[in-house]
Protein backbone atom coordinates (compact mmCIF):
# COMPACT_ATOMS: atom_id res chain seq x y z
CA MET A 1 61.66 89.62 96.76
CA PRO A 2 62.50 85.70 96.12
CA ASP A 3 65.94 84.40 97.91
CA THR A 4 68.93 84.11 96.04
CA VAL A 5 71.18 80.61 96.98
CA THR A 6 74.78 80.52 95.52
CA PRO A 7 76.03 77.07 95.96
CA PHE A 8 78.30 78.00 99.27
CA GLU A 9 75.06 78.70 100.76
CA THR A 10 72.81 75.53 100.36
CA LEU A 11 71.15 74.88 103.92
CA PRO A 12 71.45 72.17 105.58
CA ALA A 13 68.83 70.21 106.94
CA GLY A 14 66.88 71.42 109.50
CA CYS A 15 67.08 74.81 107.75
CA HIS A 16 64.43 76.54 105.17
CA SER A 17 62.31 79.53 104.45
CA PRO A 18 65.54 81.78 103.95
CA ARG A 19 65.16 85.00 103.53
CA SER A 20 67.77 87.97 102.32
CA GLU A 21 65.67 90.74 101.48
CA TRP A 22 65.87 94.24 103.60
CA PRO A 23 62.84 94.09 106.07
CA TRP A 24 62.49 97.22 107.05
CA ARG A 25 61.38 100.72 105.51
CA LEU A 26 64.82 102.97 105.90
CA ALA A 27 67.46 100.54 103.67
CA LEU A 28 71.37 100.60 104.95
CA PRO A 29 73.19 100.35 101.74
CA GLU A 30 76.80 99.10 103.06
CA ALA A 31 74.56 96.17 105.56
CA ARG A 32 73.23 93.40 104.72
CA PHE A 33 70.54 90.75 106.41
CA SER A 34 69.81 86.89 106.67
CA ALA A 35 66.87 84.96 108.26
CA LEU A 36 66.04 81.45 108.37
CA CYS A 37 63.56 79.45 109.97
CA PHE A 38 65.11 75.94 111.64
CA GLU A 39 63.57 72.29 113.56
CA THR A 40 65.65 72.09 116.17
CA GLN A 41 66.55 68.63 116.67
CA THR A 42 66.74 67.87 112.68
CA LEU A 43 69.49 71.31 112.76
CA CYS A 44 71.68 69.47 115.65
CA ASP A 45 71.89 66.27 113.94
CA ALA A 46 72.97 67.75 110.68
CA ASN A 47 76.23 67.38 109.15
CA LEU A 48 77.78 70.80 108.92
CA ASP A 49 81.29 69.81 108.08
CA ALA A 50 80.43 71.66 104.77
CA TRP A 51 80.06 74.75 106.41
CA GLU A 52 83.11 74.40 108.91
CA LEU A 53 81.15 74.94 111.49
CA ALA A 54 81.01 72.97 115.05
CA LEU A 55 79.79 73.74 117.93
CA PRO A 56 81.71 75.18 120.95
CA ASP A 57 83.21 72.98 123.16
CA ARG A 58 80.62 74.81 126.32
CA LEU A 59 77.46 73.97 123.91
CA THR A 60 78.49 69.80 123.27
CA THR A 61 76.08 68.70 126.51
CA ALA A 62 73.96 72.06 126.07
CA ALA A 63 69.77 71.68 125.67
CA ALA A 64 69.26 71.04 121.67
CA LYS A 65 67.05 74.18 121.97
CA ARG A 66 70.43 76.10 122.75
CA ARG A 67 72.35 73.99 120.05
CA ALA A 68 70.07 74.83 117.13
CA GLU A 69 70.19 78.45 118.75
CA PHE A 70 73.77 78.62 118.05
CA LEU A 71 74.12 77.45 114.90
CA GLY A 72 70.78 78.89 112.97
CA GLY A 73 72.38 82.42 114.30
CA ARG A 74 75.71 81.58 112.72
CA LEU A 75 74.31 80.38 109.34
CA THR A 76 72.43 83.37 109.18
CA ALA A 77 76.10 85.21 110.32
CA ARG A 78 77.48 82.93 107.39
CA ARG A 79 74.26 84.35 104.08
CA ALA A 80 74.76 87.81 105.23
CA LEU A 81 78.08 88.05 105.49
CA ALA A 82 78.74 85.81 102.08
CA ALA A 83 76.26 89.04 100.87
CA LEU A 84 78.11 92.03 101.78
CA THR A 85 81.48 91.08 101.47
CA GLY A 86 81.46 87.71 99.15
CA SER A 87 83.10 85.13 101.92
CA PRO A 88 81.01 83.38 103.67
CA SER A 89 82.52 83.17 106.45
CA THR A 90 81.83 82.28 110.12
CA PRO A 91 81.57 84.81 113.13
CA ALA A 92 84.31 82.53 115.31
CA GLN A 93 83.47 83.83 119.31
CA ASP A 94 85.49 86.40 121.54
CA ALA A 95 86.55 85.86 124.98
CA GLU A 96 82.89 86.96 126.21
CA GLN A 97 81.05 84.35 123.99
CA LEU A 98 80.34 87.67 121.75
CA PRO A 99 80.70 87.37 117.83
CA ASP A 100 84.19 87.75 116.67
CA TRP A 101 83.18 89.65 113.66
CA PRO A 102 85.81 89.63 110.64
CA ALA A 103 87.76 92.72 110.40
CA GLY A 104 86.04 95.09 108.37
CA THR A 105 82.65 94.56 109.96
CA VAL A 106 80.52 94.83 112.44
CA GLY A 107 77.33 92.59 112.89
CA SER A 108 74.39 91.17 115.06
CA ILE A 109 72.61 87.86 115.33
CA THR A 110 69.08 86.57 117.06
CA HIS A 111 67.16 83.89 117.28
CA SER A 112 63.57 83.71 118.72
CA ARG A 113 61.02 80.30 118.81
CA GLY A 114 62.67 78.80 115.44
CA LEU A 115 63.62 82.07 114.17
CA ALA A 116 67.40 82.84 113.33
CA ALA A 117 68.40 85.89 111.83
CA ALA A 118 71.48 88.35 111.32
CA VAL A 119 72.35 91.64 110.14
CA VAL A 120 76.28 92.61 108.89
CA ALA A 121 77.27 95.93 108.00
CA ASN A 122 81.17 97.92 106.76
CA ARG A 123 82.68 99.01 110.08
CA ALA A 124 83.78 102.19 108.01
CA ALA A 125 80.18 102.97 107.27
CA TYR A 126 78.41 101.85 111.15
CA GLN A 127 80.12 101.49 114.42
CA GLY A 128 78.05 98.84 115.26
CA VAL A 129 74.57 97.41 114.95
CA GLY A 130 72.09 95.56 117.12
CA LEU A 131 69.50 93.30 116.49
CA ASP A 132 66.58 91.75 117.62
CA ALA A 133 63.73 89.38 117.13
CA GLU A 134 60.67 88.23 119.38
CA VAL A 135 57.06 86.72 119.24
CA VAL A 136 54.66 89.34 120.35
CA MET A 137 53.78 88.53 123.80
CA SER A 138 49.82 89.31 124.65
CA GLY A 139 48.60 92.06 127.06
CA GLU A 140 47.89 89.66 129.94
CA ARG A 141 52.13 88.97 129.98
CA ALA A 142 53.07 92.23 129.27
CA ARG A 143 51.45 94.04 131.26
CA ARG A 144 52.85 91.46 134.65
CA LEU A 145 56.38 92.03 133.29
CA ALA A 146 56.20 95.57 132.52
CA ALA A 147 57.26 97.13 135.97
CA GLN A 148 60.69 94.68 134.96
CA ILE A 149 61.51 96.54 131.49
CA LEU A 150 59.41 100.04 131.77
CA VAL A 151 60.60 102.95 133.04
CA ALA A 152 58.27 105.60 134.44
CA SER A 153 57.42 107.42 131.11
CA GLU A 154 57.48 104.33 129.61
CA LEU A 155 54.28 102.95 132.30
CA ALA A 156 52.29 106.32 131.32
CA TRP A 157 52.81 105.61 127.73
CA LEU A 158 51.57 102.01 128.07
CA ASP A 159 48.49 102.80 130.71
CA ARG A 160 47.45 105.10 127.97
CA LEU A 161 47.35 102.34 124.85
CA PRO A 162 43.70 100.12 124.58
CA ALA A 163 44.76 96.98 126.18
CA GLU A 164 44.94 95.42 122.26
CA ARG A 165 48.07 97.22 121.88
CA GLN A 166 49.85 96.75 124.79
CA GLY A 167 51.06 93.51 123.97
CA GLU A 168 53.07 95.13 121.00
CA PHE A 169 54.38 98.07 122.72
CA LEU A 170 56.20 95.60 125.31
CA THR A 171 57.43 93.86 122.90
CA LEU A 172 58.74 96.75 121.08
CA VAL A 173 60.21 98.28 124.39
CA PHE A 174 61.29 95.42 125.56
CA SER A 175 63.50 94.39 121.91
CA LEU A 176 64.85 97.88 121.51
CA LYS A 177 66.16 97.58 124.22
CA GLU A 178 67.63 94.62 123.18
CA SER A 179 68.94 95.91 120.48
CA LEU A 180 70.73 99.00 121.95
CA PHE A 181 72.50 96.93 124.14
CA LYS A 182 73.61 94.75 121.25
CA ALA A 183 74.78 97.94 119.10
CA LEU A 184 76.41 99.87 121.92
CA TYR A 185 78.08 97.24 124.80
CA PRO A 186 80.88 96.26 122.33
CA LEU A 187 81.52 100.21 121.91
CA VAL A 188 81.17 100.88 125.41
CA GLY A 189 82.58 97.72 127.44
CA GLN A 190 79.91 98.82 129.95
CA ARG A 191 76.74 96.55 130.92
CA PHE A 192 73.69 98.32 130.63
CA TYR A 193 69.63 97.24 131.84
CA PHE A 194 66.46 97.88 130.56
CA PRO A 195 66.07 101.25 133.14
CA HIS A 196 68.88 102.50 131.37
CA ALA A 197 67.12 103.93 128.38
CA ARG A 198 63.46 104.55 127.13
CA LEU A 199 61.47 104.41 124.65
CA ILE A 200 61.15 108.20 123.29
CA ASP A 201 58.91 108.32 119.62
CA TRP A 202 57.60 105.43 118.18
CA ASP A 203 55.73 105.85 114.55
CA ALA A 204 54.00 102.23 113.88
CA GLU A 205 53.33 103.47 110.47
CA ALA A 206 56.64 103.81 109.32
CA GLY A 207 58.35 101.36 111.80
CA ALA A 208 60.69 104.28 112.63
CA VAL A 209 61.68 104.38 117.05
CA SER A 210 63.45 106.59 118.79
CA ILE A 211 65.63 105.48 122.45
CA GLU A 212 67.36 107.85 125.14
CA LEU A 213 69.79 106.91 127.20
CA LEU A 214 68.91 106.94 131.15
CA LYS A 215 72.66 106.35 132.02
CA THR A 216 76.03 107.78 131.00
CA LEU A 217 78.10 104.81 130.13
CA SER A 218 81.30 106.76 128.21
CA ALA A 219 82.17 110.29 127.03
CA GLN A 220 80.63 109.50 123.55
CA TRP A 221 77.43 108.09 124.99
CA PRO A 222 76.54 110.02 128.27
CA ALA A 223 72.48 109.94 129.61
CA GLY A 224 70.57 112.13 127.29
CA ALA A 225 72.07 110.84 123.94
CA GLN A 226 69.44 109.70 121.16
CA LEU A 227 69.57 106.78 118.94
CA SER A 228 67.06 105.55 115.92
CA GLY A 229 66.09 102.69 115.23
CA GLN A 230 63.44 100.76 112.86
CA VAL A 231 61.37 98.00 113.57
CA ALA A 232 59.54 95.56 111.11
CA LYS A 233 56.79 92.47 111.28
CA ILE A 234 58.37 89.72 109.45
CA ASP A 235 56.36 85.96 110.32
CA GLY A 236 54.89 86.73 112.94
CA TYR A 237 58.04 88.26 114.73
CA LEU A 238 58.80 91.62 115.75
CA MET A 239 62.26 92.99 114.53
CA THR A 240 64.04 96.11 115.76
CA LEU A 241 67.14 97.66 114.19
CA ILE A 242 70.00 99.96 115.47
CA ALA A 243 72.54 100.90 113.66
CA VAL A 244 75.08 103.47 114.91
CA PRO A 245 76.91 105.50 112.14
CA SER A 246 80.23 105.54 111.88
CA ARG A 247 81.94 108.95 113.19
CA SER A 248 82.71 111.16 111.26
C-alpha cells in the first residue's frame, strides 16, 4: 500500500521512505503506525521550524546520532498522531524524558540504525503500547549476549534451535522485552529488566508471541501475568508490538 502524505506531513530533508501501512498480521482498529528512514547528519541540519519541533536542551550538544534519533522518532509520532486524531501534534517530554502523549492517546517510539517508527492508539481502547525495532543480530553475537538477556527456559529454547535461527530468536526476545517495558512502565512506575519476563510462545508463521511476567510489578500486574504481542519484519528490521487493552 503506498504511503499517503497530506501537506502537513511533508517530510524534512534527511527523511525518506515513509510508510503508514500496518505491518503486523493482526490489525488494531484504534491504533496507527508510522515509520521512516533518516540520514543522520542531513536530518540534524534540516530546518524543522515548520514542524514546530526542536531539540531538548539536553540534546543540543549530543552526538548527531542521538539528535537524529530523537527527531526521527518525534516525526513518526507526529505522523501517526495526525492519522489517528487528525491533528499533527508532536509529543513533548515528561519529567522522566519519556514521550508525553496528547490527552486521550497512548503511544510508543522506537529507532534503530537509520529507522524511526511510532505507534499511537486511543487511550479508551488501550492502556499502553510498546514498540521496538531491531536489526537481526548474527548467531555469534546472539550466543555471546544470550546469558544477559535470556532466562533459563529461553536459554534451553535457544539451544534447541538450529544455529541459523539463533540470531533471530535472541533478537526477538530482546525486542519483545523492550516492548514489554515500554507498554507497562507508564502503568506500574517500576523499572524491570530482562530476567523479569520470559517468552512462552512464538508462532513465527503467524507473527504471534506471548510473554510472561516473572516479577510482580503491581497488584494489577503480578508475576505470572501473560501478555500477547506481535512481530513483523520490515525492510530488514524485526519489529515487535505489545498493546495492553483497556480494562472494561
